[in-house]
Amino acid sequence: MRPSPLSALIAAQLMLVACTQFPELDDAVTERAKAADYPALINVAPILARTEGDGPPPEVQQSNLESRVAALRNRAERLKRTRVIDASARTRLDDDPRPDN
């Protein structure tokens, strides 16, 4: 079985990536940065507390989400019934003279 051109292209790209020279990241960090202390950790609770109560209550959010889902499903149904291409374009696509690969 003969490999497809796509798989040959992917294999070639993988070989090129495997040969990539990575930059020396250890040399990019200065001695001052290496000697620096770890940053101070902060308590996340006050930050999270500020977000409490933002936005509508969960029941309203659920209702809004369900409304959006219903609207998107209705839109999808309408799009399924809509013709995307005209009859002449459909004929040209169906009568494609190219042989199957």
Protein backbone atom coordinates (compact mmCIF):
# COMPACT_ATOMS: atom_id res chain seq x y z
CA MET A 1 0.00 0.00 0.00
CA ARG A 2 1.35 3.38 -1.02
CA PRO A 3 1.45 6.14 1.65
CA SER A 4 -0.70 9.17 0.97
CA PRO A 5 0.95 12.52 0.20
CA LEU A 6 -0.56 13.95 3.37
CA SER A 7 1.07 11.35 5.61
CA ALA A 8 4.39 11.90 3.82
CA LEU A 9 4.08 15.64 4.41
CA ILE A 10 3.26 15.13 8.09
CA ALA A 11 6.23 12.77 8.49
CA ALA A 12 8.54 15.32 6.85
CA GLN A 13 7.30 18.07 9.15
CA LEU A 14 7.80 15.87 12.21
CA MET A 15 11.38 15.15 11.14
CA LEU A 16 12.06 18.87 10.72
CA VAL A 17 10.60 19.64 14.13
CA ALA A 18 12.70 16.90 15.71
CA CYS A 19 15.85 18.60 14.38
CA THR A 20 14.95 22.01 15.80
CA GLN A 21 17.62 23.66 17.94
CA PHE A 22 16.06 24.81 21.20
CA PRO A 23 17.33 28.03 22.77
CA GLU A 24 19.49 27.83 25.86
CA LEU A 25 16.95 28.95 28.44
CA ASP A 26 19.25 28.42 31.40
CA ASP A 27 21.59 31.11 30.07
CA ALA A 28 18.68 33.55 29.60
CA VAL A 29 18.04 33.79 33.36
CA THR A 30 20.27 36.36 35.04
CA GLU A 31 22.20 35.65 38.24
CA ARG A 32 20.09 38.29 40.01
CA ALA A 33 16.90 36.47 39.03
CA LYS A 34 18.35 33.14 40.15
CA ALA A 35 19.25 34.61 43.55
CA ALA A 36 15.90 36.35 44.06
CA ASP A 37 13.49 35.21 46.76
CA TYR A 38 10.27 33.49 45.89
CA PRO A 39 7.34 35.89 45.51
CA ALA A 40 5.08 36.33 48.52
CA LEU A 41 1.95 34.24 48.45
CA ILE A 42 -1.33 36.01 49.06
CA ASN A 43 -4.59 34.76 50.46
CA VAL A 44 -7.04 34.20 47.61
CA ALA A 45 -10.14 34.36 49.84
CA PRO A 46 -10.52 38.18 49.70
CA ILE A 47 -10.28 38.10 45.92
CA LEU A 48 -12.92 35.38 45.68
CA ALA A 49 -15.13 37.21 48.18
CA ARG A 50 -15.24 40.24 45.88
CA THR A 51 -16.71 38.06 43.12
CA GLU A 52 -19.50 36.72 45.34
CA GLY A 53 -22.86 38.15 44.37
CA ASP A 54 -21.71 39.39 40.97
CA GLY A 55 -24.25 38.76 38.27
CA PRO A 56 -27.71 37.27 38.46
CA PRO A 57 -28.60 34.47 40.88
CA PRO A 58 -27.99 30.88 39.72
CA GLU A 59 -31.69 30.28 38.98
CA VAL A 60 -31.77 33.24 36.59
CA GLN A 61 -28.50 32.14 35.00
CA GLN A 62 -29.95 28.65 34.47
CA SER A 63 -33.11 30.10 32.93
CA ASN A 64 -31.07 32.39 30.66
CA LEU A 65 -28.89 29.49 29.59
CA GLU A 66 -31.89 27.29 28.80
CA SER A 67 -33.42 30.12 26.75
CA ARG A 68 -30.19 30.51 24.79
CA VAL A 69 -30.00 26.76 24.17
CA ALA A 70 -33.57 26.71 22.87
CA ALA A 71 -32.90 29.70 20.61
CA LEU A 72 -29.75 28.09 19.21
CA ARG A 73 -31.56 24.81 18.56
CA ASN A 74 -34.34 26.67 16.73
CA ARG A 75 -31.75 28.53 14.69
CA ALA A 76 -29.99 25.26 13.82
CA GLU A 77 -33.28 23.74 12.65
CA ARG A 78 -33.97 26.79 10.45
CA LEU A 79 -30.48 26.57 8.97
CA LYS A 80 -30.93 22.86 8.21
CA ARG A 81 -33.98 23.73 6.11
CA THR A 82 -32.20 26.57 4.27
CA ARG A 83 -30.53 25.99 0.93
CA VAL A 84 -26.91 26.98 1.07
CA ILE A 85 -26.14 26.62 -2.63
CA ASP A 86 -28.39 26.92 -5.65
CA ALA A 87 -29.44 24.03 -7.92
CA SER A 88 -26.85 24.75 -10.65
CA ALA A 89 -24.00 24.73 -8.14
CA ARG A 90 -25.32 21.47 -6.63
CA THR A 91 -25.38 19.92 -10.14
CA ARG A 92 -21.80 21.01 -10.80
CA LEU A 93 -20.69 19.50 -7.50
CA ASP A 94 -22.55 16.24 -8.11
CA ASP A 95 -21.19 15.94 -11.68
CA ASP A 96 -17.55 16.42 -10.69
CA PRO A 97 -15.46 14.82 -13.48
CA ARG A 98 -12.45 14.16 -11.26
CA PRO A 99 -11.87 10.48 -10.46
CA ASP A 100 -12.11 9.32 -6.87
CA ASN A 101 -8.80 9.00 -5.05
